[in-house]
Amino acid sequence: MLKMVWVMLLVLTMFSGVFVFISNRKHLLATLLSLEFIVLAIYSLLFLYLISLGLEMYFTMVFLTFAVCEGALGLSILVSMIRTHGNDYFQSFSVLQC
């Protein structure tokens, strides 16, 4: 019963991260933080699932590797956007500009 409460709580945190990601945000940093929140919830769900089945934890290390790569790419985009445009507002960023 306690395990089901944890799963429901993690699903709620994942959907709250999805809601923040979908909602109209001005800053790229808020979007990146919501993506990391979603990744953390998915990692926790994956960890609980693998523990309950008694399987190996190697896949969690692969998942964490991809999560770190995603975070590093997002931060590099944020830094390059701040260097070129001076802020991280989506309104000042256009894909058509070179």
PDB file of N, CA and C in Angstrom:
ATOM      1  N   MET A   1       0.824  -1.195   0.000  1.00  0.00           N
ATOM      2  CA  MET A   1       0.000   0.000   0.000  1.00  0.00           C
ATOM      3  C   MET A   1       0.871   1.262   0.000  1.00  0.00           C
ATOM      4  N   LEU A   2       1.946   1.234   0.808  1.00  0.00           N
ATOM      5  CA  LEU A   2       2.838   2.389   0.873  1.00  0.00           C
ATOM      6  C   LEU A   2       3.559   2.606  -0.458  1.00  0.00           C
ATOM      7  N   LYS A   3       3.868   1.504  -1.132  1.00  0.00           N
ATOM      8  CA  LYS A   3       4.528   1.608  -2.429  1.00  0.00           C
ATOM      9  C   LYS A   3       3.612   2.275  -3.457  1.00  0.00           C
ATOM     10  N   MET A   4       2.325   1.968  -3.398  1.00  0.00           N
ATOM     11  CA  MET A   4       1.367   2.577  -4.314  1.00  0.00           C
ATOM     12  C   MET A   4       1.231   4.076  -4.044  1.00  0.00           C
ATOM     13  N   VAL A   5       1.346   4.481  -2.794  1.00  0.00           N
ATOM     14  CA  VAL A   5       1.301   5.909  -2.454  1.00  0.00           C
ATOM     15  C   VAL A   5       2.510   6.618  -3.053  1.00  0.00           C
ATOM     16  N   TRP A   6       3.682   5.995  -2.977  1.00  0.00           N
ATOM     17  CA  TRP A   6       4.890   6.588  -3.564  1.00  0.00           C
ATOM     18  C   TRP A   6       4.759   6.720  -5.079  1.00  0.00           C
ATOM     19  N   VAL A   7       4.215   5.696  -5.717  1.00  0.00           N
ATOM     20  CA  VAL A   7       4.050   5.729  -7.168  1.00  0.00           C
ATOM     21  C   VAL A   7       3.079   6.837  -7.559  1.00  0.00           C
ATOM     22  N   MET A   8       1.977   6.964  -6.850  1.00  0.00           N
ATOM     23  CA  MET A   8       1.007   8.018  -7.165  1.00  0.00           C
ATOM     24  C   MET A   8       1.611   9.406  -6.925  1.00  0.00           C
ATOM     25  N   LEU A   9       2.418   9.544  -5.888  1.00  0.00           N
ATOM     26  CA  LEU A   9       3.076  10.823  -5.614  1.00  0.00           C
ATOM     27  C   LEU A   9       4.080  11.167  -6.711  1.00  0.00           C
ATOM     28  N   LEU A  10       4.815  10.176  -7.179  1.00  0.00           N
ATOM     29  CA  LEU A  10       5.778  10.421  -8.248  1.00  0.00           C
ATOM     30  C   LEU A  10       5.090  10.731  -9.577  1.00  0.00           C
ATOM     31  N   VAL A  11       3.973  10.080  -9.843  1.00  0.00           N
ATOM     32  CA  VAL A  11       3.214  10.394 -11.058  1.00  0.00           C
ATOM     33  C   VAL A  11       2.658  11.807 -10.968  1.00  0.00           C
ATOM     34  N   LEU A  12       2.205  12.216  -9.794  1.00  0.00           N
ATOM     35  CA  LEU A  12       1.720  13.582  -9.600  1.00  0.00           C
ATOM     36  C   LEU A  12       2.840  14.600  -9.807  1.00  0.00           C
ATOM     37  N   THR A  13       4.042  14.307  -9.320  1.00  0.00           N
ATOM     38  CA  THR A  13       5.163  15.225  -9.534  1.00  0.00           C
ATOM     39  C   THR A  13       5.549  15.287 -11.004  1.00  0.00           C
ATOM     40  N   MET A  14       5.464  14.150 -11.701  1.00  0.00           N
ATOM     41  CA  MET A  14       5.789  14.155 -13.113  1.00  0.00           C
ATOM     42  C   MET A  14       4.776  14.998 -13.893  1.00  0.00           C
ATOM     43  N   PHE A  15       3.496  14.853 -13.592  1.00  0.00           N
ATOM     44  CA  PHE A  15       2.493  15.638 -14.298  1.00  0.00           C
ATOM     45  C   PHE A  15       2.538  17.110 -13.922  1.00  0.00           C
ATOM     46  N   SER A  16       2.971  17.428 -12.720  1.00  0.00           N
ATOM     47  CA  SER A  16       3.145  18.842 -12.383  1.00  0.00           C
ATOM     48  C   SER A  16       4.315  19.433 -13.161  1.00  0.00           C
ATOM     49  N   GLY A  17       5.367  18.661 -13.368  1.00  0.00           N
ATOM     50  CA  GLY A  17       6.471  19.114 -14.211  1.00  0.00           C
ATOM     51  C   GLY A  17       6.054  19.288 -15.657  1.00  0.00           C
ATOM     52  N   VAL A  18       5.210  18.382 -16.151  1.00  0.00           N
ATOM     53  CA  VAL A  18       4.697  18.499 -17.519  1.00  0.00           C
ATOM     54  C   VAL A  18       3.813  19.742 -17.640  1.00  0.00           C
ATOM     55  N   PHE A  19       2.998  20.013 -16.615  1.00  0.00           N
ATOM     56  CA  PHE A  19       2.141  21.194 -16.646  1.00  0.00           C
ATOM     57  C   PHE A  19       2.961  22.478 -16.682  1.00  0.00           C
ATOM     58  N   VAL A  20       4.030  22.537 -15.901  1.00  0.00           N
ATOM     59  CA  VAL A  20       4.891  23.722 -15.914  1.00  0.00           C
ATOM     60  C   VAL A  20       5.593  23.854 -17.259  1.00  0.00           C
ATOM     61  N   PHE A  21       5.974  22.731 -17.850  1.00  0.00           N
ATOM     62  CA  PHE A  21       6.644  22.770 -19.151  1.00  0.00           C
ATOM     63  C   PHE A  21       5.696  23.249 -20.249  1.00  0.00           C
ATOM     64  N   ILE A  22       4.443  22.819 -20.201  1.00  0.00           N
ATOM     65  CA  ILE A  22       3.478  23.178 -21.232  1.00  0.00           C
ATOM     66  C   ILE A  22       2.980  24.613 -21.073  1.00  0.00           C
ATOM     67  N   SER A  23       2.886  25.070 -19.839  1.00  0.00           N
ATOM     68  CA  SER A  23       2.353  26.411 -19.624  1.00  0.00           C
ATOM     69  C   SER A  23       3.256  27.469 -20.246  1.00  0.00           C
ATOM     70  N   ASN A  24       2.728  28.616 -20.474  1.00  0.00           N
ATOM     71  CA  ASN A  24       3.433  29.678 -21.183  1.00  0.00           C
ATOM     72  C   ASN A  24       4.457  30.325 -20.253  1.00  0.00           C
ATOM     73  N   ARG A  25       5.698  29.948 -20.403  1.00  0.00           N
ATOM     74  CA  ARG A  25       6.777  30.511 -19.590  1.00  0.00           C
ATOM     75  C   ARG A  25       7.596  31.467 -20.419  1.00  0.00           C
ATOM     76  N   LYS A  26       8.099  32.502 -19.799  1.00  0.00           N
ATOM     77  CA  LYS A  26       8.909  33.484 -20.510  1.00  0.00           C
ATOM     78  C   LYS A  26      10.381  33.090 -20.567  1.00  0.00           C
ATOM     79  N   HIS A  27      10.854  32.424 -19.539  1.00  0.00           N
ATOM     80  CA  HIS A  27      12.285  32.166 -19.404  1.00  0.00           C
ATOM     81  C   HIS A  27      12.641  30.741 -19.805  1.00  0.00           C
ATOM     82  N   LEU A  28      13.783  30.611 -20.438  1.00  0.00           N
ATOM     83  CA  LEU A  28      14.303  29.292 -20.810  1.00  0.00           C
ATOM     84  C   LEU A  28      14.735  28.509 -19.575  1.00  0.00           C
ATOM     85  N   LEU A  29      15.219  29.192 -18.554  1.00  0.00           N
ATOM     86  CA  LEU A  29      15.675  28.507 -17.343  1.00  0.00           C
ATOM     87  C   LEU A  29      14.524  27.789 -16.637  1.00  0.00           C
ATOM     88  N   ALA A  30      13.347  28.398 -16.596  1.00  0.00           N
ATOM     89  CA  ALA A  30      12.182  27.742 -15.985  1.00  0.00           C
ATOM     90  C   ALA A  30      11.788  26.496 -16.769  1.00  0.00           C
ATOM     91  N   THR A  31      11.909  26.558 -18.079  1.00  0.00           N
ATOM     92  CA  THR A  31      11.604  25.398 -18.910  1.00  0.00           C
ATOM     93  C   THR A  31      12.615  24.279 -18.666  1.00  0.00           C
ATOM     94  N   LEU A  32      13.880  24.628 -18.560  1.00  0.00           N
ATOM     95  CA  LEU A  32      14.906  23.609 -18.302  1.00  0.00           C
ATOM     96  C   LEU A  32      14.736  22.984 -16.917  1.00  0.00           C
ATOM     97  N   LEU A  33      14.357  23.783 -15.941  1.00  0.00           N
ATOM     98  CA  LEU A  33      14.129  23.237 -14.598  1.00  0.00           C
ATOM     99  C   LEU A  33      12.939  22.286 -14.578  1.00  0.00           C
ATOM    100  N   SER A  34      11.895  22.601 -15.335  1.00  0.00           N
ATOM    101  CA  SER A  34      10.744  21.693 -15.372  1.00  0.00           C
ATOM    102  C   SER A  34      11.112  20.390 -16.083  1.00  0.00           C
ATOM    103  N   LEU A  35      11.963  20.466 -17.105  1.00  0.00           N
ATOM    104  CA  LEU A  35      12.429  19.238 -17.755  1.00  0.00           C
ATOM    105  C   LEU A  35      13.244  18.369 -16.804  1.00  0.00           C
ATOM    106  N   GLU A  36      14.085  18.985 -16.013  1.00  0.00           N
ATOM    107  CA  GLU A  36      14.867  18.214 -15.034  1.00  0.00           C
ATOM    108  C   GLU A  36      13.969  17.627 -13.937  1.00  0.00           C
ATOM    109  N   PHE A  37      12.905  18.331 -13.605  1.00  0.00           N
ATOM    110  CA  PHE A  37      11.944  17.821 -12.627  1.00  0.00           C
ATOM    111  C   PHE A  37      11.234  16.588 -13.173  1.00  0.00           C
ATOM    112  N   ILE A  38      10.887  16.615 -14.450  1.00  0.00           N
ATOM    113  CA  ILE A  38      10.256  15.464 -15.095  1.00  0.00           C
ATOM    114  C   ILE A  38      11.225  14.283 -15.131  1.00  0.00           C
ATOM    115  N   VAL A  39      12.474  14.550 -15.457  1.00  0.00           N
ATOM    116  CA  VAL A  39      13.485  13.486 -15.514  1.00  0.00           C
ATOM    117  C   VAL A  39      13.694  12.866 -14.132  1.00  0.00           C
ATOM    118  N   LEU A  40      13.700  13.687 -13.106  1.00  0.00           N
ATOM    119  CA  LEU A  40      13.855  13.164 -11.746  1.00  0.00           C
ATOM    120  C   LEU A  40      12.683  12.273 -11.346  1.00  0.00           C
ATOM    121  N   ALA A  41      11.475  12.662 -11.707  1.00  0.00           N
ATOM    122  CA  ALA A  41      10.304  11.836 -11.394  1.00  0.00           C
ATOM    123  C   ALA A  41      10.333  10.526 -12.176  1.00  0.00           C
ATOM    124  N   ILE A  42      10.719  10.589 -13.441  1.00  0.00           N
ATOM    125  CA  ILE A  42      10.798   9.364 -14.245  1.00  0.00           C
ATOM    126  C   ILE A  42      11.892   8.443 -13.713  1.00  0.00           C
ATOM    127  N   TYR A  43      13.014   9.024 -13.282  1.00  0.00           N
ATOM    128  CA  TYR A  43      14.079   8.200 -12.707  1.00  0.00           C
ATOM    129  C   TYR A  43      13.604   7.501 -11.437  1.00  0.00           C
ATOM    130  N   SER A  44      12.891   8.214 -10.597  1.00  0.00           N
ATOM    131  CA  SER A  44      12.381   7.608  -9.361  1.00  0.00           C
ATOM    132  C   SER A  44      11.383   6.500  -9.656  1.00  0.00           C
ATOM    133  N   LEU A  45      10.500   6.725 -10.632  1.00  0.00           N
ATOM    134  CA  LEU A  45       9.555   5.671 -11.016  1.00  0.00           C
ATOM    135  C   LEU A  45      10.279   4.455 -11.582  1.00  0.00           C
ATOM    136  N   LEU A  46      11.277   4.692 -12.400  1.00  0.00           N
ATOM    137  CA  LEU A  46      12.060   3.596 -12.968  1.00  0.00           C
ATOM    138  C   LEU A  46      12.787   2.819 -11.882  1.00  0.00           C
ATOM    139  N   PHE A  47      13.335   3.538 -10.921  1.00  0.00           N
ATOM    140  CA  PHE A  47      14.042   2.889  -9.827  1.00  0.00           C
ATOM    141  C   PHE A  47      13.093   2.012  -8.999  1.00  0.00           C
ATOM    142  N   LEU A  48      11.917   2.544  -8.676  1.00  0.00           N
ATOM    143  CA  LEU A  48      10.939   1.747  -7.918  1.00  0.00           C
ATOM    144  C   LEU A  48      10.478   0.526  -8.707  1.00  0.00           C
ATOM    145  N   TYR A  49      10.293   0.687 -10.015  1.00  0.00           N
ATOM    146  CA  TYR A  49       9.856  -0.420 -10.854  1.00  0.00           C
ATOM    147  C   TYR A  49      10.919  -1.515 -10.900  1.00  0.00           C
ATOM    148  N   LEU A  50      12.169  -1.141 -11.072  1.00  0.00           N
ATOM    149  CA  LEU A  50      13.232  -2.151 -11.138  1.00  0.00           C
ATOM    150  C   LEU A  50      13.471  -2.825  -9.794  1.00  0.00           C
ATOM    151  N   ILE A  51      13.307  -2.071  -8.717  1.00  0.00           N
ATOM    152  CA  ILE A  51      13.441  -2.670  -7.376  1.00  0.00           C
ATOM    153  C   ILE A  51      12.326  -3.681  -7.124  1.00  0.00           C
ATOM    154  N   SER A  52      11.104  -3.338  -7.544  1.00  0.00           N
ATOM    155  CA  SER A  52       9.979  -4.245  -7.293  1.00  0.00           C
ATOM    156  C   SER A  52      10.094  -5.535  -8.097  1.00  0.00           C
ATOM    157  N   LEU A  53      10.710  -5.473  -9.271  1.00  0.00           N
ATOM    158  CA  LEU A  53      10.884  -6.685 -10.071  1.00  0.00           C
ATOM    159  C   LEU A  53      12.148  -7.451  -9.712  1.00  0.00           C
ATOM    160  N   GLY A  54      13.036  -6.833  -8.945  1.00  0.00           N
ATOM    161  CA  GLY A  54      14.275  -7.491  -8.563  1.00  0.00           C
ATOM    162  C   GLY A  54      15.284  -7.567  -9.686  1.00  0.00           C
ATOM    163  N   LEU A  55      15.250  -6.611 -10.579  1.00  0.00           N
ATOM    164  CA  LEU A  55      16.169  -6.605 -11.719  1.00  0.00           C
ATOM    165  C   LEU A  55      17.424  -5.804 -11.395  1.00  0.00           C
ATOM    166  N   GLU A  56      18.364  -5.830 -12.322  1.00  0.00           N
ATOM    167  CA  GLU A  56      19.622  -5.104 -12.154  1.00  0.00           C
ATOM    168  C   GLU A  56      19.397  -3.607 -12.324  1.00  0.00           C
ATOM    169  N   MET A  57      20.312  -2.821 -11.791  1.00  0.00           N
ATOM    170  CA  MET A  57      20.192  -1.368 -11.807  1.00  0.00           C
ATOM    171  C   MET A  57      21.078  -0.707 -12.861  1.00  0.00           C
ATOM    172  N   TYR A  58      21.561  -1.464 -13.832  1.00  0.00           N
ATOM    173  CA  TYR A  58      22.445  -0.883 -14.851  1.00  0.00           C
ATOM    174  C   TYR A  58      21.703   0.115 -15.735  1.00  0.00           C
ATOM    175  N   PHE A  59      20.446  -0.147 -15.997  1.00  0.00           N
ATOM    176  CA  PHE A  59      19.684   0.753 -16.851  1.00  0.00           C
ATOM    177  C   PHE A  59      19.504   2.117 -16.202  1.00  0.00           C
ATOM    178  N   THR A  60      19.455   2.166 -14.880  1.00  0.00           N
ATOM    179  CA  THR A  60      19.331   3.462 -14.207  1.00  0.00           C
ATOM    180  C   THR A  60      20.585   4.305 -14.418  1.00  0.00           C
ATOM    181  N   MET A  61      21.734   3.674 -14.492  1.00  0.00           N
ATOM    182  CA  MET A  61      22.959   4.421 -14.759  1.00  0.00           C
ATOM    183  C   MET A  61      22.970   4.974 -16.186  1.00  0.00           C
ATOM    184  N   VAL A  62      22.470   4.197 -17.141  1.00  0.00           N
ATOM    185  CA  VAL A  62      22.357   4.681 -18.520  1.00  0.00           C
ATOM    186  C   VAL A  62      21.372   5.844 -18.575  1.00  0.00           C
ATOM    187  N   PHE A  63      20.258   5.718 -17.869  1.00  0.00           N
ATOM    188  CA  PHE A  63      19.260   6.785 -17.837  1.00  0.00           C
ATOM    189  C   PHE A  63      19.843   8.054 -17.220  1.00  0.00           C
ATOM    190  N   LEU A  64      20.593   7.917 -16.144  1.00  0.00           N
ATOM    191  CA  LEU A  64      21.219   9.090 -15.526  1.00  0.00           C
ATOM    192  C   LEU A  64      22.250   9.726 -16.456  1.00  0.00           C
ATOM    193  N   THR A  65      22.952   8.918 -17.232  1.00  0.00           N
ATOM    194  CA  THR A  65      23.916   9.456 -18.185  1.00  0.00           C
ATOM    195  C   THR A  65      23.223  10.314 -19.235  1.00  0.00           C
ATOM    196  N   PHE A  66      22.112   9.816 -19.762  1.00  0.00           N
ATOM    197  CA  PHE A  66      21.361  10.598 -20.739  1.00  0.00           C
ATOM    198  C   PHE A  66      20.746  11.841 -20.105  1.00  0.00           C
ATOM    199  N   ALA A  67      20.319  11.750 -18.860  1.00  0.00           N
ATOM    200  CA  ALA A  67      19.745  12.912 -18.173  1.00  0.00           C
ATOM    201  C   ALA A  67      20.797  13.998 -17.966  1.00  0.00           C
ATOM    202  N   VAL A  68      22.010  13.596 -17.629  1.00  0.00           N
ATOM    203  CA  VAL A  68      23.091  14.573 -17.452  1.00  0.00           C
ATOM    204  C   VAL A  68      23.452  15.213 -18.785  1.00  0.00           C
ATOM    205  N   CYS A  69      23.474  14.412 -19.855  1.00  0.00           N
ATOM    206  CA  CYS A  69      23.753  14.974 -21.187  1.00  0.00           C
ATOM    207  C   CYS A  69      22.669  15.958 -21.598  1.00  0.00           C
ATOM    208  N   GLU A  70      21.428  15.654 -21.296  1.00  0.00           N
ATOM    209  CA  GLU A  70      20.321  16.559 -21.614  1.00  0.00           C
ATOM    210  C   GLU A  70      20.444  17.856 -20.832  1.00  0.00           C
ATOM    211  N   GLY A  71      20.815  17.763 -19.569  1.00  0.00           N
ATOM    212  CA  GLY A  71      20.993  18.967 -18.761  1.00  0.00           C
ATOM    213  C   GLY A  71      22.153  19.819 -19.235  1.00  0.00           C
ATOM    214  N   ALA A  72      23.239  19.174 -19.619  1.00  0.00           N
ATOM    215  CA  ALA A  72      24.401  19.929 -20.113  1.00  0.00           C
ATOM    216  C   ALA A  72      24.102  20.619 -21.435  1.00  0.00           C
ATOM    217  N   LEU A  73      23.378  19.955 -22.319  1.00  0.00           N
ATOM    218  CA  LEU A  73      23.001  20.581 -23.586  1.00  0.00           C
ATOM    219  C   LEU A  73      22.059  21.761 -23.360  1.00  0.00           C
ATOM    220  N   GLY A  74      21.121  21.599 -22.430  1.00  0.00           N
ATOM    221  CA  GLY A  74      20.209  22.698 -22.132  1.00  0.00           C
ATOM    222  C   GLY A  74      20.921  23.896 -21.548  1.00  0.00           C
ATOM    223  N   LEU A  75      21.872  23.656 -20.666  1.00  0.00           N
ATOM    224  CA  LEU A  75      22.622  24.774 -20.088  1.00  0.00           C
ATOM    225  C   LEU A  75      23.530  25.432 -21.110  1.00  0.00           C
ATOM    226  N   SER A  76      24.080  24.653 -22.043  1.00  0.00           N
ATOM    227  CA  SER A  76      24.908  25.270 -23.077  1.00  0.00           C
ATOM    228  C   SER A  76      24.065  26.131 -24.008  1.00  0.00           C
ATOM    229  N   ILE A  77      22.853  25.700 -24.312  1.00  0.00           N
ATOM    230  CA  ILE A  77      21.949  26.530 -25.116  1.00  0.00           C
ATOM    231  C   ILE A  77      21.585  27.794 -24.356  1.00  0.00           C
ATOM    232  N   LEU A  78      21.365  27.672 -23.053  1.00  0.00           N
ATOM    233  CA  LEU A  78      21.041  28.841 -22.228  1.00  0.00           C
ATOM    234  C   LEU A  78      22.191  29.842 -22.208  1.00  0.00           C
ATOM    235  N   VAL A  79      23.405  29.361 -22.044  1.00  0.00           N
ATOM    236  CA  VAL A  79      24.566  30.249 -22.007  1.00  0.00           C
ATOM    237  C   VAL A  79      24.777  30.926 -23.359  1.00  0.00           C
ATOM    238  N   SER A  80      24.645  30.176 -24.442  1.00  0.00           N
ATOM    239  CA  SER A  80      24.821  30.796 -25.759  1.00  0.00           C
ATOM    240  C   SER A  80      23.719  31.792 -26.062  1.00  0.00           C
ATOM    241  N   MET A  81      22.517  31.527 -25.588  1.00  0.00           N
ATOM    242  CA  MET A  81      21.420  32.470 -25.793  1.00  0.00           C
ATOM    243  C   MET A  81      21.624  33.746 -24.995  1.00  0.00           C
ATOM    244  N   ILE A  82      22.126  33.632 -23.780  1.00  0.00           N
ATOM    245  CA  ILE A  82      22.388  34.821 -22.962  1.00  0.00           C
ATOM    246  C   ILE A  82      23.543  35.622 -23.551  1.00  0.00           C
ATOM    247  N   ARG A  83      24.548  34.938 -24.090  1.00  0.00           N
ATOM    248  CA  ARG A  83      25.669  35.670 -24.693  1.00  0.00           C
ATOM    249  C   ARG A  83      25.271  36.410 -25.961  1.00  0.00           C
ATOM    250  N   THR A  84      24.393  35.827 -26.758  1.00  0.00           N
ATOM    251  CA  THR A  84      24.028  36.480 -28.015  1.00  0.00           C
ATOM    252  C   THR A  84      22.919  37.505 -27.857  1.00  0.00           C
ATOM    253  N   HIS A  85      21.948  37.232 -26.988  1.00  0.00           N
ATOM    254  CA  HIS A  85      20.785  38.106 -26.873  1.00  0.00           C
ATOM    255  C   HIS A  85      20.746  38.923 -25.583  1.00  0.00           C
ATOM    256  N   GLY A  86      21.525  38.573 -24.593  1.00  0.00           N
ATOM    257  CA  GLY A  86      21.575  39.344 -23.355  1.00  0.00           C
ATOM    258  C   GLY A  86      20.595  38.899 -22.291  1.00  0.00           C
ATOM    259  N   ASN A  87      19.637  38.046 -22.617  1.00  0.00           N
ATOM    260  CA  ASN A  87      18.691  37.533 -21.624  1.00  0.00           C
ATOM    261  C   ASN A  87      18.195  36.167 -22.074  1.00  0.00           C
ATOM    262  N   ASP A  88      17.317  35.573 -21.274  1.00  0.00           N
ATOM    263  CA  ASP A  88      16.802  34.253 -21.640  1.00  0.00           C
ATOM    264  C   ASP A  88      15.299  34.295 -21.903  1.00  0.00           C
ATOM    265  N   TYR A  89      14.801  35.438 -22.348  1.00  0.00           N
ATOM    266  CA  TYR A  89      13.391  35.542 -22.714  1.00  0.00           C
ATOM    267  C   TYR A  89      13.153  34.871 -24.058  1.00  0.00           C
ATOM    268  N   PHE A  90      12.046  34.161 -24.176  1.00  0.00           N
ATOM    269  CA  PHE A  90      11.710  33.540 -25.447  1.00  0.00           C
ATOM    270  C   PHE A  90      11.278  34.572 -26.481  1.00  0.00           C
ATOM    271  N   GLN A  91      10.757  35.707 -26.032  1.00  0.00           N
ATOM    272  CA  GLN A  91      10.273  36.716 -26.969  1.00  0.00           C
ATOM    273  C   GLN A  91      11.427  37.352 -27.754  1.00  0.00           C
ATOM    274  N   SER A  92      12.590  37.464 -27.156  1.00  0.00           N
ATOM    275  CA  SER A  92      13.714  38.096 -27.842  1.00  0.00           C
ATOM    276  C   SER A  92      14.492  37.118 -28.709  1.00  0.00           C
ATOM    277  N   PHE A  93      14.156  35.833 -28.637  1.00  0.00           N
ATOM    278  CA  PHE A  93      14.883  34.813 -29.399  1.00  0.00           C
ATOM    279  C   PHE A  93      14.080  34.425 -30.640  1.00  0.00           C
ATOM    280  N   SER A  94      14.713  34.452 -31.772  1.00  0.00           N
ATOM    281  CA  SER A  94      14.073  34.053 -33.032  1.00  0.00           C
ATOM    282  C   SER A  94      14.982  33.068 -33.735  1.00  0.00           C
ATOM    283  N   VAL A  95      14.403  32.022 -34.277  1.00  0.00           N
ATOM    284  CA  VAL A  95      15.168  30.996 -34.962  1.00  0.00           C
ATOM    285  C   VAL A  95      15.671  31.528 -36.311  1.00  0.00           C
ATOM    286  N   LEU A  96      14.979  32.511 -36.870  1.00  0.00           N
ATOM    287  CA  LEU A  96      15.352  33.017 -38.184  1.00  0.00           C
ATOM    288  C   LEU A  96      16.553  33.931 -38.150  1.00  0.00           C
ATOM    289  N   GLN A  97      16.941  34.408 -36.958  1.00  0.00           N
ATOM    290  CA  GLN A  97      18.118  35.280 -36.860  1.00  0.00           C
ATOM    291  C   GLN A  97      19.379  34.442 -36.923  1.00  0.00           C
ATOM    292  N   CYS A  98      20.422  35.032 -37.510  1.00  0.00           N
ATOM    293  CA  CYS A  98      21.716  34.330 -37.582  1.00  0.00           C
ATOM    294  C   CYS A  98      22.682  34.917 -36.588  1.00  0.00           C
TER     295      CYS A  98
END
